[in-house]
Amino acid sequence: MSTYLLGIFASTVILVFTIVVMRRGLIRQRYSIVWVITSSLMLIFSISSSTLLRIASSLEFTTPSNFLFFIGIVLLLVISVQYSYELGKLEEQNRKMAIEIAMIKNKLNRKGS
């Protein structure tokens, strides 16, 4: 199997998998949008490798693979920042709920005594 066909197959599998998982409600749409865009771009670049070569050379990358690695690193950084933001929000919610639970327990203990 050539790399050309492997790229088309892999990007198609990722695209279909993402859509199926999203339709089943296993991941939220806002998270799956990144994966749909990524796999769609992978599919486009796999089908039309000349497009990838043209974009990479216009951005002065030595080889198209360097361009793809750069895009991959940027994508991972964006996902990491997004998850850090979400984690910060969840930690704040968790802290507020812990305070509320402690206040409710304190109030119940006072009424019970």
Protein backbone atom coordinates (compact mmCIF):
# COMPACT_ATOMS: atom_id res chain seq x y z
CA MET A 1 0.00 0.00 0.00
CA SER A 2 1.47 3.33 -0.98
CA THR A 3 1.79 6.26 1.39
CA TYR A 4 -0.72 8.08 -0.77
CA LEU A 5 -3.43 5.46 -0.16
CA LEU A 6 -2.46 5.09 3.49
CA GLY A 7 -2.93 8.83 4.03
CA ILE A 8 -6.34 8.78 2.35
CA PHE A 9 -7.41 5.73 4.33
CA ALA A 10 -6.20 7.06 7.70
CA SER A 11 -7.78 10.49 7.29
CA THR A 12 -11.06 8.97 6.12
CA VAL A 13 -11.15 6.60 9.10
CA ILE A 14 -10.47 9.46 11.53
CA LEU A 15 -13.13 11.64 9.90
CA VAL A 16 -15.78 8.91 9.96
CA PHE A 17 -14.87 7.87 13.51
CA THR A 18 -15.13 11.45 14.75
CA ILE A 19 -18.53 11.94 13.13
CA VAL A 20 -19.86 8.65 14.51
CA VAL A 21 -18.61 9.37 18.04
CA MET A 22 -20.04 12.88 17.88
CA ARG A 23 -23.45 11.64 16.69
CA ARG A 24 -23.57 9.11 19.53
CA GLY A 25 -22.95 11.93 21.98
CA LEU A 26 -19.72 10.50 23.35
CA ILE A 27 -17.84 13.75 22.78
CA ARG A 28 -19.10 17.28 22.61
CA GLN A 29 -19.33 19.09 19.31
CA ARG A 30 -16.91 21.82 20.30
CA TYR A 31 -14.18 19.23 20.90
CA SER A 32 -14.92 17.25 17.78
CA ILE A 33 -14.77 20.29 15.50
CA VAL A 34 -10.98 20.35 15.82
CA TRP A 35 -10.78 16.69 14.81
CA VAL A 36 -13.21 17.07 11.90
CA ILE A 37 -11.20 20.02 10.56
CA THR A 38 -7.91 18.18 11.07
CA SER A 39 -9.03 14.99 9.37
CA SER A 40 -10.64 16.95 6.53
CA LEU A 41 -7.38 18.81 5.93
CA MET A 42 -5.50 15.51 6.10
CA LEU A 43 -7.86 14.09 3.50
CA ILE A 44 -7.45 17.11 1.23
CA PHE A 45 -3.66 17.00 1.55
CA SER A 46 -3.67 13.23 0.95
CA ILE A 47 -5.77 13.50 -2.17
CA SER A 48 -3.95 16.53 -3.54
CA SER A 49 -0.34 16.29 -2.43
CA SER A 50 0.55 19.12 -4.81
CA THR A 51 -1.53 21.46 -2.62
CA LEU A 52 0.49 20.45 0.42
CA LEU A 53 3.73 20.93 -1.51
CA ARG A 54 2.64 24.35 -2.76
CA ILE A 55 1.58 25.55 0.72
CA ALA A 56 4.76 24.22 2.34
CA SER A 57 7.02 25.84 -0.23
CA SER A 58 5.14 29.15 -0.10
CA LEU A 59 5.66 29.22 3.68
CA GLU A 60 9.34 28.34 3.05
CA PHE A 61 9.34 24.94 4.71
CA THR A 62 12.10 22.69 3.38
CA THR A 63 9.83 19.68 3.00
CA PRO A 64 6.07 19.14 3.29
CA SER A 65 6.62 16.80 6.24
CA ASN A 66 8.18 19.67 8.22
CA PHE A 67 5.05 21.70 7.53
CA LEU A 68 2.84 18.82 8.73
CA PHE A 69 4.91 18.44 11.92
CA PHE A 70 4.59 22.17 12.55
CA ILE A 71 0.80 22.02 12.07
CA GLY A 72 0.65 19.00 14.39
CA ILE A 73 2.60 20.77 17.11
CA VAL A 74 0.41 23.88 16.83
CA LEU A 75 -2.71 21.70 16.99
CA LEU A 76 -1.47 19.94 20.13
CA LEU A 77 -0.65 23.28 21.75
CA VAL A 78 -4.14 24.61 20.98
CA ILE A 79 -5.73 21.48 22.43
CA SER A 80 -3.52 21.73 25.55
CA VAL A 81 -4.50 25.36 26.12
CA GLN A 82 -8.18 24.51 25.61
CA TYR A 83 -7.99 21.65 28.12
CA SER A 84 -6.13 23.84 30.61
CA TYR A 85 -8.86 26.45 30.35
CA GLU A 86 -11.58 23.83 30.85
CA LEU A 87 -9.69 22.32 33.79
CA GLY A 88 -9.39 25.72 35.45
CA LYS A 89 -13.12 26.28 35.12
CA LEU A 90 -13.89 22.85 36.56
CA GLU A 91 -11.51 23.37 39.49
CA GLU A 92 -13.25 26.64 40.33
CA GLN A 93 -16.68 24.96 40.16
CA ASN A 94 -15.40 22.13 42.34
CA ARG A 95 -14.06 24.60 44.93
CA LYS A 96 -17.38 26.50 45.02
CA MET A 97 -19.37 23.29 45.44
CA ALA A 98 -17.07 22.12 48.25
CA ILE A 99 -17.65 25.41 50.06
CA GLU A 100 -21.42 25.14 49.57
CA ILE A 101 -21.46 21.55 50.84
CA ALA A 102 -19.42 22.55 53.89
CA MET A 103 -21.84 25.40 54.63
CA ILE A 104 -24.86 23.10 54.27
CA LYS A 105 -23.27 20.48 56.56
CA ASN A 106 -22.46 23.18 59.09
CA LYS A 107 -26.04 24.46 58.98
CA LEU A 108 -27.45 20.92 59.39
CA ASN A 109 -25.10 20.21 62.31
CA ARG A 110 -26.26 23.39 64.07
CA LYS A 111 -29.94 22.48 63.63
CA GLY A 112 -29.32 18.92 64.80
CA SER A 113 -27.52 19.96 67.98
